[in-house]
C-alpha atoms as a PDB file:
ATOM      1  CA  MET A   1       4.664  39.961  47.564  1.00  0.00           C
ATOM      2  CA  THR A   2       3.166  41.916  44.662  1.00  0.00           C
ATOM      3  CA  ASN A   3       5.009  43.862  41.974  1.00  0.00           C
ATOM      4  CA  GLU A   4       3.840  47.120  43.518  1.00  0.00           C
ATOM      5  CA  GLN A   5       5.324  46.136  46.871  1.00  0.00           C
ATOM      6  CA  ILE A   6       8.603  45.142  45.215  1.00  0.00           C
ATOM      7  CA  GLU A   7       8.569  48.469  43.366  1.00  0.00           C
ATOM      8  CA  LYS A   8       8.103  50.454  46.581  1.00  0.00           C
ATOM      9  CA  THR A   9      10.812  48.448  48.286  1.00  0.00           C
ATOM     10  CA  LEU A  10      13.294  49.094  45.477  1.00  0.00           C
ATOM     11  CA  GLU A  11      12.319  52.748  45.360  1.00  0.00           C
ATOM     12  CA  TYR A  12      12.901  53.154  49.090  1.00  0.00           C
ATOM     13  CA  ALA A  13      16.163  51.172  49.005  1.00  0.00           C
ATOM     14  CA  SER A  14      17.503  53.222  46.128  1.00  0.00           C
ATOM     15  CA  LYS A  15      17.574  56.274  48.410  1.00  0.00           C
ATOM     16  CA  TYR A  16      19.888  54.642  50.999  1.00  0.00           C
ATOM     17  CA  PRO A  17      23.138  52.745  50.742  1.00  0.00           C
ATOM     18  CA  SER A  18      21.770  49.929  52.892  1.00  0.00           C
ATOM     19  CA  ILE A  19      18.543  49.237  54.771  1.00  0.00           C
ATOM     20  CA  LEU A  20      17.152  46.958  57.412  1.00  0.00           C
ATOM     21  CA  LEU A  21      15.065  45.054  54.856  1.00  0.00           C
ATOM     22  CA  ALA A  22      13.080  42.928  57.291  1.00  0.00           C
ATOM     23  CA  ASP A  23      12.150  45.985  59.389  1.00  0.00           C
ATOM     24  CA  PHE A  24      11.154  47.967  56.328  1.00  0.00           C
ATOM     25  CA  LEU A  25       8.872  45.195  55.112  1.00  0.00           C
ATOM     26  CA  THR A  26       7.198  45.022  58.505  1.00  0.00           C
ATOM     27  CA  ARG A  27       6.692  48.766  58.817  1.00  0.00           C
ATOM     28  CA  LYS A  28       5.688  49.553  55.246  1.00  0.00           C
ATOM     29  CA  PHE A  29       3.477  46.544  54.395  1.00  0.00           C
ATOM     30  CA  ASN A  30       2.438  45.367  57.903  1.00  0.00           C
ATOM     31  CA  PHE A  31       3.892  41.896  57.317  1.00  0.00           C
ATOM     32  CA  ASP A  32       3.962  39.515  60.198  1.00  0.00           C
ATOM     33  CA  SER A  33       7.278  37.765  60.849  1.00  0.00           C
ATOM     34  CA  ASN A  34       6.517  34.794  58.606  1.00  0.00           C
ATOM     35  CA  GLU A  35       5.460  36.985  55.655  1.00  0.00           C
ATOM     36  CA  ARG A  36       8.375  39.329  56.227  1.00  0.00           C
ATOM     37  CA  TYR A  37      10.957  36.527  55.926  1.00  0.00           C
ATOM     38  CA  LYS A  38       9.249  35.039  52.889  1.00  0.00           C
ATOM     39  CA  ALA A  39       9.263  38.475  51.195  1.00  0.00           C
ATOM     40  CA  LYS A  40      12.927  39.020  52.175  1.00  0.00           C
ATOM     41  CA  ASP A  41      13.866  35.586  50.825  1.00  0.00           C
ATOM     42  CA  LEU A  42      11.940  36.343  47.626  1.00  0.00           C
ATOM     43  CA  LEU A  43      13.789  39.604  47.088  1.00  0.00           C
ATOM     44  CA  ILE A  44      17.112  37.908  47.709  1.00  0.00           C
ATOM     45  CA  SER A  45      16.253  34.945  45.451  1.00  0.00           C
ATOM     46  CA  LYS A  46      15.328  37.335  42.617  1.00  0.00           C
ATOM     47  CA  GLU A  47      18.822  38.848  43.185  1.00  0.00           C
ATOM     48  CA  LEU A  48      17.395  42.284  43.924  1.00  0.00           C
ATOM     49  CA  PHE A  49      19.124  42.614  47.297  1.00  0.00           C
ATOM     50  CA  VAL A  50      22.395  41.390  48.716  1.00  0.00           C
ATOM     51  CA  GLN A  51      23.371  41.280  52.347  1.00  0.00           C
ATOM     52  CA  SER A  52      25.721  44.089  53.362  1.00  0.00           C
ATOM     53  CA  GLY A  53      25.938  43.489  57.087  1.00  0.00           C
ATOM     54  CA  LYS A  54      24.525  41.309  59.812  1.00  0.00           C
ATOM     55  CA  SER A  55      20.922  42.395  59.226  1.00  0.00           C
ATOM     56  CA  LYS A  56      21.368  45.076  56.569  1.00  0.00           C
ATOM     57  CA  HIS A  57      20.786  44.679  52.860  1.00  0.00           C
ATOM     58  CA  LYS A  58      21.620  46.813  49.866  1.00  0.00           C
ATOM     59  CA  LEU A  59      20.479  46.855  46.290  1.00  0.00           C
ATOM     60  CA  SER A  60      22.255  44.353  44.044  1.00  0.00           C
ATOM     61  CA  ASP A  61      23.849  45.246  40.715  1.00  0.00           C
ATOM     62  CA  LYS A  62      20.907  43.659  38.972  1.00  0.00           C
ATOM     63  CA  SER A  63      18.361  45.874  40.728  1.00  0.00           C
ATOM     64  CA  LEU A  64      20.532  48.967  40.108  1.00  0.00           C
ATOM     65  CA  ASP A  65      20.609  48.032  36.383  1.00  0.00           C
ATOM     66  CA  ILE A  66      16.850  47.568  36.394  1.00  0.00           C
ATOM     67  CA  LEU A  67      16.253  50.942  37.991  1.00  0.00           C
ATOM     68  CA  SER A  68      18.731  52.745  35.686  1.00  0.00           C
ATOM     69  CA  GLU A  69      17.511  51.081  32.466  1.00  0.00           C
ATOM     70  CA  TYR A  70      13.785  50.769  33.029  1.00  0.00           C
ATOM     71  CA  GLY A  71      13.125  53.253  35.847  1.00  0.00           C
ATOM     72  CA  SER A  72      11.011  50.878  37.907  1.00  0.00           C
ATOM     73  CA  TRP A  73      10.344  47.223  38.704  1.00  0.00           C
ATOM     74  CA  ILE A  74       6.878  47.331  37.035  1.00  0.00           C
ATOM     75  CA  LYS A  75       8.335  48.657  33.757  1.00  0.00           C
ATOM     76  CA  TYR A  76      10.953  45.923  33.915  1.00  0.00           C
ATOM     77  CA  GLN A  77       8.230  43.282  34.430  1.00  0.00           C
ATOM     78  CA  GLU A  78       6.264  44.716  31.477  1.00  0.00           C
ATOM     79  CA  TYR A  79       9.390  44.502  29.347  1.00  0.00           C
ATOM     80  CA  ILE A  80      10.010  40.909  30.418  1.00  0.00           C
ATOM     81  CA  SER A  81       6.385  39.913  29.694  1.00  0.00           C
ATOM     82  CA  SER A  82       6.487  41.624  26.267  1.00  0.00           C
ATOM     83  CA  GLU A  83       9.738  39.810  25.428  1.00  0.00           C
ATOM     84  CA  GLN A  84       8.207  36.513  26.473  1.00  0.00           C
ATOM     85  CA  ALA A  85       5.166  37.231  24.295  1.00  0.00           C
ATOM     86  CA  LYS A  86       7.474  38.033  21.333  1.00  0.00           C
ATOM     87  CA  ASN A  87       9.408  34.815  21.948  1.00  0.00           C
ATOM     88  CA  GLN A  88       6.211  32.796  22.074  1.00  0.00           C
ATOM     89  CA  LYS A  89       5.065  34.379  18.835  1.00  0.00           C
ATOM     90  CA  ARG A  90       8.474  33.603  17.212  1.00  0.00           C
ATOM     91  CA  GLU A  91       8.254  30.048  18.395  1.00  0.00           C
ATOM     92  CA  MET A  92       4.707  29.745  17.064  1.00  0.00           C
ATOM     93  CA  LEU A  93       5.824  31.132  13.686  1.00  0.00           C
ATOM     94  CA  LYS A  94       8.774  28.718  13.642  1.00  0.00           C
ATOM     95  CA  ASP A  95       6.418  25.831  14.341  1.00  0.00           C
ATOM     96  CA  GLU A  96       4.087  26.992  11.549  1.00  0.00           C
ATOM     97  CA  ASN A  97       7.033  27.279   9.151  1.00  0.00           C
ATOM     98  CA  LEU A  98       8.272  23.837  10.077  1.00  0.00           C
ATOM     99  CA  GLU A  99       4.806  22.434   9.569  1.00  0.00           C
ATOM    100  CA  TYR A 100       4.576  24.102   6.150  1.00  0.00           C
ATOM    101  CA  ASP A 101       8.042  22.831   5.219  1.00  0.00           C
ATOM    102  CA  ASN A 102       7.105  19.322   6.235  1.00  0.00           C
ATOM    103  CA  LYS A 103       3.948  19.485   4.085  1.00  0.00           C
ATOM    104  CA  LEU A 104       5.953  20.773   1.176  1.00  0.00           C
ATOM    105  CA  LYS A 105       8.562  18.015   1.555  1.00  0.00           C
ATOM    106  CA  LYS A 106       5.828  15.379   1.658  1.00  0.00           C
ATOM    107  CA  PHE A 107       4.253  16.870  -1.481  1.00  0.00           C
ATOM    108  CA  GLU A 108       7.625  16.961  -3.243  1.00  0.00           C
ATOM    109  CA  ALA A 109       8.391  13.362  -2.230  1.00  0.00           C
ATOM    110  CA  LYS A 110       5.012  12.203  -3.471  1.00  0.00           C
ATOM    111  CA  TRP A 111       4.843  14.184  -6.728  1.00  0.00           C
ATOM    112  CA  LYS A 112       8.469  14.724  -7.708  1.00  0.00           C
ATOM    113  CA  ILE A 113       8.749  11.841 -10.149  1.00  0.00           C
ATOM    114  CA  LYS A 114       5.231  12.355 -11.462  1.00  0.00           C
ATOM    115  CA  ILE A 115       5.841  16.028 -12.149  1.00  0.00           C
ATOM    116  CA  TYR A 116       9.167  15.171 -13.862  1.00  0.00           C
ATOM    117  CA  ILE A 117       7.395  12.629 -16.072  1.00  0.00           C
ATOM    118  CA  ILE A 118       4.576  15.092 -16.937  1.00  0.00           C
ATOM    119  CA  ILE A 119       7.087  17.815 -17.842  1.00  0.00           C
ATOM    120  CA  THR A 120       9.130  15.366 -19.942  1.00  0.00           C
ATOM    121  CA  ILE A 121       6.055  14.157 -21.849  1.00  0.00           C
ATOM    122  CA  THR A 122       4.821  17.716 -22.356  1.00  0.00           C
ATOM    123  CA  THR A 123       8.261  18.770 -23.690  1.00  0.00           C
ATOM    124  CA  PHE A 124       8.363  15.763 -26.025  1.00  0.00           C
ATOM    125  CA  VAL A 125       4.876  16.498 -27.371  1.00  0.00           C
ATOM    126  CA  ASN A 126       5.799  20.168 -27.919  1.00  0.00           C
ATOM    127  CA  VAL A 127       8.911  19.164 -29.857  1.00  0.00           C
ATOM    128  CA  LEU A 128       6.874  16.827 -32.028  1.00  0.00           C
ATOM    129  CA  ILE A 129       4.290  19.519 -32.728  1.00  0.00           C
ATOM    130  CA  SER A 130       7.053  21.983 -33.612  1.00  0.00           C
ATOM    131  CA  ILE A 131       8.605  19.451 -36.047  1.00  0.00           C
ATOM    132  CA  LEU A 132       5.235  18.757 -37.656  1.00  0.00           C
ATOM    133  CA  ILE A 133       4.530  22.450 -38.067  1.00  0.00           C
ATOM    134  CA  HIS A 134       7.982  22.964 -39.583  1.00  0.00           C
ATOM    135  CA  VAL A 135       7.553  20.014 -42.008  1.00  0.00           C
ATOM    136  CA  SER A 136       4.091  21.140 -43.011  1.00  0.00           C
ATOM    137  CA  SER A 137       5.429  24.621 -43.730  1.00  0.00           C
ATOM    138  CA  PHE A 138       7.823  23.045 -46.259  1.00  0.00           C
ATOM    139  CA  ASP A 139       4.899  21.345 -47.957  1.00  0.00           C
ATOM    140  CA  THR A 140       2.857  24.539 -48.140  1.00  0.00           C
ATOM    141  CA  TYR A 141       5.927  26.428 -49.393  1.00  0.00           C
ATOM    142  CA  ALA A 142       6.454  23.883 -52.133  1.00  0.00           C
ATOM    143  CA  GLU A 143       2.770  24.021 -53.099  1.00  0.00           C
ATOM    144  CA  LYS A 144       2.845  27.814 -53.257  1.00  0.00           C
ATOM    145  CA  LYS A 145       5.919  27.726 -55.470  1.00  0.00           C
ATOM    146  CA  GLN A 146       4.382  25.174 -57.864  1.00  0.00           C
ATOM    147  CA  LYS A 147       1.090  27.063 -58.325  1.00  0.00           C
ATOM    148  CA  PRO A 148       2.631  30.078 -60.049  1.00  0.00           C
ATOM    149  CA  LEU A 149       4.665  27.789 -62.304  1.00  0.00           C
ATOM    150  CA  ALA A 150       1.495  25.992 -63.326  1.00  0.00           C
ATOM    151  CA  LYS A 151      -0.230  29.297 -64.114  1.00  0.00           C
ATOM    152  CA  GLU A 152       2.748  30.464 -66.183  1.00  0.00           C
ATOM    153  CA  LYS A 153       2.737  27.217 -68.185  1.00  0.00           C
ATOM    154  CA  GLU A 154      -0.912  27.629 -68.961  1.00  0.00           C
ATOM    155  CA  GLN A 155      -0.419  31.193 -70.206  1.00  0.00           C
ATOM    156  CA  LEU A 156       2.463  30.422 -72.580  1.00  0.00           C
ATOM    157  CA  PRO A 157       1.592  29.350 -76.086  1.00  0.00           C
ATOM    158  CA  LYS A 158       1.922  25.723 -76.849  1.00  0.00           C
ATOM    159  CA  GLN A 159       4.896  26.275 -79.091  1.00  0.00           C
ATOM    160  CA  GLU A 160       6.907  27.960 -76.427  1.00  0.00           C
ATOM    161  CA  LEU A 161       5.913  25.252 -74.093  1.00  0.00           C
ATOM    162  CA  ASP A 162       7.309  22.619 -76.400  1.00  0.00           C
ATOM    163  CA  SER A 163      10.517  24.495 -76.825  1.00  0.00           C
ATOM    164  CA  MET A 164      10.842  24.831 -73.091  1.00  0.00           C
ATOM    165  CA  SER A 165      10.154  21.175 -72.546  1.00  0.00           C
ATOM    166  CA  TYR A 166      12.511  19.840 -75.126  1.00  0.00           C
ATOM    167  CA  PRO A 167      15.824  21.571 -75.870  1.00  0.00           C
ATOM    168  CA  SER A 168      16.264  19.561 -79.043  1.00  0.00           C
ATOM    169  CA  ASN A 169      13.165  21.132 -80.564  1.00  0.00           C
ATOM    170  CA  GLN A 170      14.659  24.594 -80.231  1.00  0.00           C
ATOM    171  CA  LYS A 171      17.369  23.814 -82.820  1.00  0.00           C
ATOM    172  CA  ASN A 172      14.894  22.655 -85.424  1.00  0.00           C
ATOM    173  CA  HIS A 173      12.752  25.788 -85.452  1.00  0.00           C
END
């Protein structure tokens, strides 16, 4: 039984409180007795019809919900197939994420200690360089300070130089 046939059956049944389902299937779709019972069993197994009498059937709550929410069986089937496609896509994305996470965990397990060692060595080297730069700046500062003193000493007359060098000479002059 095709979706269009199910749709027509539901559409017809929605107009009446109960129908002779087997007779309708024979009249509408020209089913022989074997096909008619297979179709009837299919509709009942999909919970679209429930028995309301000896040979009468009525729409189930499920089929009433389908008709009220989606308007038709075909629209309901389209919704179901789109939801299945979305679920498959979600599952595929989950699988890709899990695969990526596993690769990342393997990478971390392999390189975690190595990266830690590299970072530690790099930090240690940077600290040493900083200390060397700081120490060398003291040396250059001291050299800069001594250069002006040397120039001043050269410019002063020798006498003043002697007096500056020896405080005892200052008393004698």
